[in-house]
Amino acid sequence: MQKLVYELVRERAAAMFGPGSSFAVTLRRSDENETMFTETVVETLAWDVSLGLEGAMTASAATAAATSTGSIKLPTRLTA
């Protein structure tokens, strides 16, 4: 799970800050306070990662269900 989270964060951050992306990384001065920008970036990254995790977990569950070879046996009657 840790590797999945790492890869998703890395992928989304690269998409957000890489060449041709929406955001640029610059060093800021000590007197700057860009709270709204920081909150927007963090919120965007968190949503992207959570959606990626949801998709990965759904795909993983579908794969597990499709490859399951076990059968479920139900009792035909109750015994006392």
PDB file of N, CA and C in Angstrom:
ATOM      1  N   MET A   1       0.823  -1.186   0.000  1.00  0.00           N
ATOM      2  CA  MET A   1       0.000   0.000   0.000  1.00  0.00           C
ATOM      3  C   MET A   1       0.873   1.258   0.000  1.00  0.00           C
ATOM      4  N   GLN A   2       1.949   1.236   0.762  1.00  0.00           N
ATOM      5  CA  GLN A   2       2.833   2.401   0.829  1.00  0.00           C
ATOM      6  C   GLN A   2       3.408   2.720  -0.548  1.00  0.00           C
ATOM      7  N   LYS A   3       3.788   1.703  -1.298  1.00  0.00           N
ATOM      8  CA  LYS A   3       4.337   1.919  -2.635  1.00  0.00           C
ATOM      9  C   LYS A   3       3.270   2.526  -3.555  1.00  0.00           C
ATOM     10  N   LEU A   4       2.036   2.052  -3.456  1.00  0.00           N
ATOM     11  CA  LEU A   4       0.943   2.584  -4.260  1.00  0.00           C
ATOM     12  C   LEU A   4       0.726   4.066  -3.958  1.00  0.00           C
ATOM     13  N   VAL A   5       0.687   4.425  -2.679  1.00  0.00           N
ATOM     14  CA  VAL A   5       0.508   5.827  -2.290  1.00  0.00           C
ATOM     15  C   VAL A   5       1.673   6.664  -2.800  1.00  0.00           C
ATOM     16  N   TYR A   6       2.887   6.169  -2.621  1.00  0.00           N
ATOM     17  CA  TYR A   6       4.073   6.891  -3.097  1.00  0.00           C
ATOM     18  C   TYR A   6       3.993   7.149  -4.596  1.00  0.00           C
ATOM     19  N   GLU A   7       3.685   6.131  -5.359  1.00  0.00           N
ATOM     20  CA  GLU A   7       3.619   6.271  -6.815  1.00  0.00           C
ATOM     21  C   GLU A   7       2.523   7.252  -7.237  1.00  0.00           C
ATOM     22  N   LEU A   8       1.373   7.182  -6.572  1.00  0.00           N
ATOM     23  CA  LEU A   8       0.284   8.105  -6.902  1.00  0.00           C
ATOM     24  C   LEU A   8       0.655   9.550  -6.585  1.00  0.00           C
ATOM     25  N   VAL A   9       1.241   9.784  -5.413  1.00  0.00           N
ATOM     26  CA  VAL A   9       1.651  11.144  -5.044  1.00  0.00           C
ATOM     27  C   VAL A   9       2.708  11.648  -6.015  1.00  0.00           C
ATOM     28  N   ARG A  10       3.672  10.815  -6.329  1.00  0.00           N
ATOM     29  CA  ARG A  10       4.746  11.201  -7.253  1.00  0.00           C
ATOM     30  C   ARG A  10       4.188  11.533  -8.636  1.00  0.00           C
ATOM     31  N   GLU A  11       3.298  10.683  -9.126  1.00  0.00           N
ATOM     32  CA  GLU A  11       2.693  10.887 -10.446  1.00  0.00           C
ATOM     33  C   GLU A  11       1.879  12.179 -10.492  1.00  0.00           C
ATOM     34  N   ARG A  12       1.041  12.390  -9.460  1.00  0.00           N
ATOM     35  CA  ARG A  12       0.190  13.587  -9.434  1.00  0.00           C
ATOM     36  C   ARG A  12       1.017  14.854  -9.243  1.00  0.00           C
ATOM     37  N   ALA A  13       2.029  14.809  -8.381  1.00  0.00           N
ATOM     38  CA  ALA A  13       2.876  15.984  -8.162  1.00  0.00           C
ATOM     39  C   ALA A  13       3.648  16.330  -9.435  1.00  0.00           C
ATOM     40  N   ALA A  14       4.135  15.327 -10.133  1.00  0.00           N
ATOM     41  CA  ALA A  14       4.852  15.573 -11.393  1.00  0.00           C
ATOM     42  C   ALA A  14       3.924  16.207 -12.422  1.00  0.00           C
ATOM     43  N   ALA A  15       2.667  15.755 -12.448  1.00  0.00           N
ATOM     44  CA  ALA A  15       1.699  16.322 -13.389  1.00  0.00           C
ATOM     45  C   ALA A  15       1.359  17.764 -13.027  1.00  0.00           C
ATOM     46  N   MET A  16       1.345  18.050 -11.728  1.00  0.00           N
ATOM     47  CA  MET A  16       0.998  19.402 -11.282  1.00  0.00           C
ATOM     48  C   MET A  16       2.159  20.385 -11.409  1.00  0.00           C
ATOM     49  N   PHE A  17       3.398  19.904 -11.225  1.00  0.00           N
ATOM     50  CA  PHE A  17       4.557  20.796 -11.180  1.00  0.00           C
ATOM     51  C   PHE A  17       5.558  20.581 -12.307  1.00  0.00           C
ATOM     52  N   GLY A  18       5.352  19.592 -13.146  1.00  0.00           N
ATOM     53  CA  GLY A  18       6.293  19.299 -14.225  1.00  0.00           C
ATOM     54  C   GLY A  18       6.172  20.271 -15.383  1.00  0.00           C
ATOM     55  N   PRO A  19       6.948  20.046 -16.428  1.00  0.00           N
ATOM     56  CA  PRO A  19       6.895  20.912 -17.612  1.00  0.00           C
ATOM     57  C   PRO A  19       5.479  20.954 -18.195  1.00  0.00           C
ATOM     58  N   GLY A  20       5.015  22.150 -18.521  1.00  0.00           N
ATOM     59  CA  GLY A  20       3.696  22.318 -19.109  1.00  0.00           C
ATOM     60  C   GLY A  20       2.547  22.140 -18.134  1.00  0.00           C
ATOM     61  N   SER A  21       2.828  22.156 -16.849  1.00  0.00           N
ATOM     62  CA  SER A  21       1.792  21.928 -15.841  1.00  0.00           C
ATOM     63  C   SER A  21       1.125  23.233 -15.411  1.00  0.00           C
ATOM     64  N   SER A  22       0.213  23.115 -14.468  1.00  0.00           N
ATOM     65  CA  SER A  22      -0.543  24.267 -13.983  1.00  0.00           C
ATOM     66  C   SER A  22       0.219  25.114 -12.968  1.00  0.00           C
ATOM     67  N   PHE A  23       1.124  24.515 -12.218  1.00  0.00           N
ATOM     68  CA  PHE A  23       1.811  25.214 -11.141  1.00  0.00           C
ATOM     69  C   PHE A  23       3.316  25.234 -11.379  1.00  0.00           C
ATOM     70  N   ALA A  24       3.975  26.241 -10.804  1.00  0.00           N
ATOM     71  CA  ALA A  24       5.433  26.342 -10.871  1.00  0.00           C
ATOM     72  C   ALA A  24       5.984  26.390  -9.452  1.00  0.00           C
ATOM     73  N   VAL A  25       7.102  25.761  -9.234  1.00  0.00           N
ATOM     74  CA  VAL A  25       7.739  25.775  -7.923  1.00  0.00           C
ATOM     75  C   VAL A  25       8.794  26.875  -7.926  1.00  0.00           C
ATOM     76  N   THR A  26       8.653  27.795  -6.987  1.00  0.00           N
ATOM     77  CA  THR A  26       9.650  28.863  -6.834  1.00  0.00           C
ATOM     78  C   THR A  26       9.954  29.019  -5.351  1.00  0.00           C
ATOM     79  N   LEU A  27      11.149  29.479  -5.057  1.00  0.00           N
ATOM     80  CA  LEU A  27      11.491  29.773  -3.670  1.00  0.00           C
ATOM     81  C   LEU A  27      10.763  31.050  -3.269  1.00  0.00           C
ATOM     82  N   ARG A  28      10.212  31.056  -2.085  1.00  0.00           N
ATOM     83  CA  ARG A  28       9.499  32.258  -1.669  1.00  0.00           C
ATOM     84  C   ARG A  28      10.296  33.015  -0.625  1.00  0.00           C
ATOM     85  N   ARG A  29       9.922  34.267  -0.509  1.00  0.00           N
ATOM     86  CA  ARG A  29      10.572  35.110   0.493  1.00  0.00           C
ATOM     87  C   ARG A  29       9.947  34.830   1.852  1.00  0.00           C
ATOM     88  N   SER A  30      10.654  35.148   2.890  1.00  0.00           N
ATOM     89  CA  SER A  30      10.164  34.886   4.245  1.00  0.00           C
ATOM     90  C   SER A  30       8.948  35.734   4.604  1.00  0.00           C
ATOM     91  N   ASP A  31       8.731  36.852   3.905  1.00  0.00           N
ATOM     92  CA  ASP A  31       7.597  37.723   4.215  1.00  0.00           C
ATOM     93  C   ASP A  31       6.347  37.402   3.395  1.00  0.00           C
ATOM     94  N   GLU A  32       6.400  36.380   2.551  1.00  0.00           N
ATOM     95  CA  GLU A  32       5.247  36.013   1.727  1.00  0.00           C
ATOM     96  C   GLU A  32       4.311  35.081   2.488  1.00  0.00           C
ATOM     97  N   ASN A  33       3.043  35.234   2.223  1.00  0.00           N
ATOM     98  CA  ASN A  33       2.044  34.365   2.831  1.00  0.00           C
ATOM     99  C   ASN A  33       0.985  34.055   1.777  1.00  0.00           C
ATOM    100  N   GLU A  34       1.153  32.962   1.084  1.00  0.00           N
ATOM    101  CA  GLU A  34       0.237  32.571   0.015  1.00  0.00           C
ATOM    102  C   GLU A  34      -0.633  31.411   0.483  1.00  0.00           C
ATOM    103  N   THR A  35      -1.400  31.665   1.510  1.00  0.00           N
ATOM    104  CA  THR A  35      -2.225  30.617   2.104  1.00  0.00           C
ATOM    105  C   THR A  35      -3.212  30.033   1.111  1.00  0.00           C
ATOM    106  N   MET A  36      -3.878  30.876   0.352  1.00  0.00           N
ATOM    107  CA  MET A  36      -4.882  30.373  -0.593  1.00  0.00           C
ATOM    108  C   MET A  36      -4.245  29.489  -1.665  1.00  0.00           C
ATOM    109  N   PHE A  37      -3.103  29.905  -2.192  1.00  0.00           N
ATOM    110  CA  PHE A  37      -2.411  29.102  -3.204  1.00  0.00           C
ATOM    111  C   PHE A  37      -1.991  27.756  -2.614  1.00  0.00           C
ATOM    112  N   THR A  38      -1.415  27.786  -1.420  1.00  0.00           N
ATOM    113  CA  THR A  38      -0.964  26.553  -0.782  1.00  0.00           C
ATOM    114  C   THR A  38      -2.138  25.617  -0.534  1.00  0.00           C
ATOM    115  N   GLU A  39      -3.239  26.147  -0.021  1.00  0.00           N
ATOM    116  CA  GLU A  39      -4.414  25.321   0.233  1.00  0.00           C
ATOM    117  C   GLU A  39      -4.968  24.724  -1.062  1.00  0.00           C
ATOM    118  N   THR A  40      -4.943  25.491  -2.140  1.00  0.00           N
ATOM    119  CA  THR A  40      -5.433  25.000  -3.429  1.00  0.00           C
ATOM    120  C   THR A  40      -4.575  23.848  -3.932  1.00  0.00           C
ATOM    121  N   VAL A  41      -3.274  23.990  -3.852  1.00  0.00           N
ATOM    122  CA  VAL A  41      -2.370  22.937  -4.314  1.00  0.00           C
ATOM    123  C   VAL A  41      -2.539  21.680  -3.465  1.00  0.00           C
ATOM    124  N   VAL A  42      -2.574  21.842  -2.154  1.00  0.00           N
ATOM    125  CA  VAL A  42      -2.706  20.694  -1.258  1.00  0.00           C
ATOM    126  C   VAL A  42      -4.044  19.992  -1.484  1.00  0.00           C
ATOM    127  N   GLU A  43      -5.113  20.770  -1.620  1.00  0.00           N
ATOM    128  CA  GLU A  43      -6.439  20.201  -1.846  1.00  0.00           C
ATOM    129  C   GLU A  43      -6.488  19.436  -3.172  1.00  0.00           C
ATOM    130  N   THR A  44      -5.924  20.014  -4.218  1.00  0.00           N
ATOM    131  CA  THR A  44      -5.895  19.365  -5.531  1.00  0.00           C
ATOM    132  C   THR A  44      -5.119  18.057  -5.474  1.00  0.00           C
ATOM    133  N   LEU A  45      -3.965  18.086  -4.859  1.00  0.00           N
ATOM    134  CA  LEU A  45      -3.137  16.883  -4.748  1.00  0.00           C
ATOM    135  C   LEU A  45      -3.845  15.807  -3.922  1.00  0.00           C
ATOM    136  N   ALA A  46      -4.458  16.202  -2.813  1.00  0.00           N
ATOM    137  CA  ALA A  46      -5.154  15.232  -1.961  1.00  0.00           C
ATOM    138  C   ALA A  46      -6.313  14.574  -2.703  1.00  0.00           C
ATOM    139  N   TRP A  47      -7.101  15.349  -3.439  1.00  0.00           N
ATOM    140  CA  TRP A  47      -8.218  14.771  -4.199  1.00  0.00           C
ATOM    141  C   TRP A  47      -7.708  13.843  -5.298  1.00  0.00           C
ATOM    142  N   ASP A  48      -6.670  14.267  -6.009  1.00  0.00           N
ATOM    143  CA  ASP A  48      -6.118  13.421  -7.075  1.00  0.00           C
ATOM    144  C   ASP A  48      -5.626  12.091  -6.525  1.00  0.00           C
ATOM    145  N   VAL A  49      -4.925  12.131  -5.406  1.00  0.00           N
ATOM    146  CA  VAL A  49      -4.393  10.897  -4.822  1.00  0.00           C
ATOM    147  C   VAL A  49      -5.533  10.018  -4.307  1.00  0.00           C
ATOM    148  N   SER A  50      -6.527  10.617  -3.644  1.00  0.00           N
ATOM    149  CA  SER A  50      -7.622   9.800  -3.123  1.00  0.00           C
ATOM    150  C   SER A  50      -8.420   9.151  -4.252  1.00  0.00           C
ATOM    151  N   LEU A  51      -8.616   9.870  -5.350  1.00  0.00           N
ATOM    152  CA  LEU A  51      -9.307   9.280  -6.501  1.00  0.00           C
ATOM    153  C   LEU A  51      -8.471   8.163  -7.123  1.00  0.00           C
ATOM    154  N   GLY A  52      -7.170   8.368  -7.191  1.00  0.00           N
ATOM    155  CA  GLY A  52      -6.291   7.323  -7.718  1.00  0.00           C
ATOM    156  C   GLY A  52      -6.293   6.085  -6.845  1.00  0.00           C
ATOM    157  N   LEU A  53      -6.291   6.278  -5.527  1.00  0.00           N
ATOM    158  CA  LEU A  53      -6.351   5.137  -4.609  1.00  0.00           C
ATOM    159  C   LEU A  53      -7.666   4.383  -4.747  1.00  0.00           C
ATOM    160  N   GLU A  54      -8.747   5.128  -4.849  1.00  0.00           N
ATOM    161  CA  GLU A  54     -10.054   4.494  -5.003  1.00  0.00           C
ATOM    162  C   GLU A  54     -10.092   3.655  -6.283  1.00  0.00           C
ATOM    163  N   GLY A  55      -9.583   4.209  -7.367  1.00  0.00           N
ATOM    164  CA  GLY A  55      -9.552   3.478  -8.632  1.00  0.00           C
ATOM    165  C   GLY A  55      -8.671   2.251  -8.558  1.00  0.00           C
ATOM    166  N   ALA A  56      -7.517   2.381  -7.922  1.00  0.00           N
ATOM    167  CA  ALA A  56      -6.597   1.248  -7.803  1.00  0.00           C
ATOM    168  C   ALA A  56      -7.188   0.154  -6.928  1.00  0.00           C
ATOM    169  N   MET A  57      -7.844   0.546  -5.850  1.00  0.00           N
ATOM    170  CA  MET A  57      -8.431  -0.450  -4.951  1.00  0.00           C
ATOM    171  C   MET A  57      -9.621  -1.145  -5.618  1.00  0.00           C
ATOM    172  N   THR A  58     -10.407  -0.406  -6.377  1.00  0.00           N
ATOM    173  CA  THR A  58     -11.534  -0.997  -7.097  1.00  0.00           C
ATOM    174  C   THR A  58     -11.037  -1.994  -8.136  1.00  0.00           C
ATOM    175  N   ALA A  59      -9.992  -1.604  -8.862  1.00  0.00           N
ATOM    176  CA  ALA A  59      -9.414  -2.499  -9.872  1.00  0.00           C
ATOM    177  C   ALA A  59      -8.824  -3.743  -9.218  1.00  0.00           C
ATOM    178  N   SER A  60      -8.173  -3.555  -8.080  1.00  0.00           N
ATOM    179  CA  SER A  60      -7.578  -4.682  -7.364  1.00  0.00           C
ATOM    180  C   SER A  60      -8.659  -5.644  -6.874  1.00  0.00           C
ATOM    181  N   ALA A  61      -9.749  -5.110  -6.358  1.00  0.00           N
ATOM    182  CA  ALA A  61     -10.844  -5.954  -5.879  1.00  0.00           C
ATOM    183  C   ALA A  61     -11.494  -6.701  -7.036  1.00  0.00           C
ATOM    184  N   ALA A  62     -11.635  -6.037  -8.182  1.00  0.00           N
ATOM    185  CA  ALA A  62     -12.235  -6.686  -9.353  1.00  0.00           C
ATOM    186  C   ALA A  62     -11.341  -7.814  -9.848  1.00  0.00           C
ATOM    187  N   THR A  63     -10.035  -7.586  -9.839  1.00  0.00           N
ATOM    188  CA  THR A  63      -9.084  -8.615 -10.264  1.00  0.00           C
ATOM    189  C   THR A  63      -9.131  -9.800  -9.311  1.00  0.00           C
ATOM    190  N   ALA A  64      -9.175  -9.520  -8.014  1.00  0.00           N
ATOM    191  CA  ALA A  64      -9.228 -10.602  -7.028  1.00  0.00           C
ATOM    192  C   ALA A  64     -10.511 -11.416  -7.184  1.00  0.00           C
ATOM    193  N   ALA A  65     -11.601 -10.745  -7.425  1.00  0.00           N
ATOM    194  CA  ALA A  65     -12.871 -11.457  -7.599  1.00  0.00           C
ATOM    195  C   ALA A  65     -12.866 -12.297  -8.870  1.00  0.00           C
ATOM    196  N   ALA A  66     -12.269 -11.778  -9.921  1.00  0.00           N
ATOM    197  CA  ALA A  66     -12.252 -12.487 -11.201  1.00  0.00           C
ATOM    198  C   ALA A  66     -11.334 -13.695 -11.168  1.00  0.00           C
ATOM    199  N   THR A  67     -10.291 -13.638 -10.349  1.00  0.00           N
ATOM    200  CA  THR A  67      -9.323 -14.733 -10.319  1.00  0.00           C
ATOM    201  C   THR A  67      -9.559 -15.696  -9.166  1.00  0.00           C
ATOM    202  N   SER A  68     -10.577 -15.468  -8.378  1.00  0.00           N
ATOM    203  CA  SER A  68     -10.862 -16.341  -7.253  1.00  0.00           C
ATOM    204  C   SER A  68     -11.332 -17.705  -7.761  1.00  0.00           C
ATOM    205  N   THR A  69     -10.717 -18.751  -7.241  1.00  0.00           N
ATOM    206  CA  THR A  69     -11.099 -20.106  -7.654  1.00  0.00           C
ATOM    207  C   THR A  69     -11.861 -20.837  -6.567  1.00  0.00           C
ATOM    208  N   GLY A  70     -11.991 -20.206  -5.402  1.00  0.00           N
ATOM    209  CA  GLY A  70     -12.700 -20.848  -4.290  1.00  0.00           C
ATOM    210  C   GLY A  70     -14.196 -20.829  -4.522  1.00  0.00           C
ATOM    211  N   SER A  71     -14.851 -21.832  -4.011  1.00  0.00           N
ATOM    212  CA  SER A  71     -16.302 -21.876  -4.133  1.00  0.00           C
ATOM    213  C   SER A  71     -16.913 -21.693  -2.753  1.00  0.00           C
ATOM    214  N   ILE A  72     -18.105 -21.177  -2.746  1.00  0.00           N
ATOM    215  CA  ILE A  72     -18.822 -20.971  -1.490  1.00  0.00           C
ATOM    216  C   ILE A  72     -19.838 -22.094  -1.355  1.00  0.00           C
ATOM    217  N   LYS A  73     -19.793 -22.773  -0.231  1.00  0.00           N
ATOM    218  CA  LYS A  73     -20.740 -23.864   0.014  1.00  0.00           C
ATOM    219  C   LYS A  73     -21.732 -23.412   1.068  1.00  0.00           C
ATOM    220  N   LEU A  74     -22.977 -23.454   0.700  1.00  0.00           N
ATOM    221  CA  LEU A  74     -24.040 -23.089   1.627  1.00  0.00           C
ATOM    222  C   LEU A  74     -24.691 -24.340   2.169  1.00  0.00           C
ATOM    223  N   PRO A  75     -25.053 -24.335   3.440  1.00  0.00           N
ATOM    224  CA  PRO A  75     -25.737 -25.513   3.987  1.00  0.00           C
ATOM    225  C   PRO A  75     -27.126 -25.653   3.380  1.00  0.00           C
ATOM    226  N   THR A  76     -27.548 -26.891   3.197  1.00  0.00           N
ATOM    227  CA  THR A  76     -28.862 -27.121   2.622  1.00  0.00           C
ATOM    228  C   THR A  76     -29.939 -27.171   3.697  1.00  0.00           C
ATOM    229  N   ARG A  77     -29.559 -27.445   4.922  1.00  0.00           N
ATOM    230  CA  ARG A  77     -30.515 -27.444   6.031  1.00  0.00           C
ATOM    231  C   ARG A  77     -29.790 -27.186   7.330  1.00  0.00           C
ATOM    232  N   LEU A  78     -30.496 -26.709   8.284  1.00  0.00           N
ATOM    233  CA  LEU A  78     -29.893 -26.447   9.599  1.00  0.00           C
ATOM    234  C   LEU A  78     -30.013 -27.695  10.453  1.00  0.00           C
ATOM    235  N   THR A  79     -29.001 -27.953  11.235  1.00  0.00           N
ATOM    236  CA  THR A  79     -29.045 -29.093  12.162  1.00  0.00           C
ATOM    237  C   THR A  79     -28.995 -28.573  13.576  1.00  0.00           C
ATOM    238  N   ALA A  80     -29.615 -29.296  14.495  1.00  0.00           N
ATOM    239  CA  ALA A  80     -29.655 -28.871  15.892  1.00  0.00           C
ATOM    240  C   ALA A  80     -28.515 -29.482  16.649  1.00  0.00           C
TER     241      ALA A  80
END
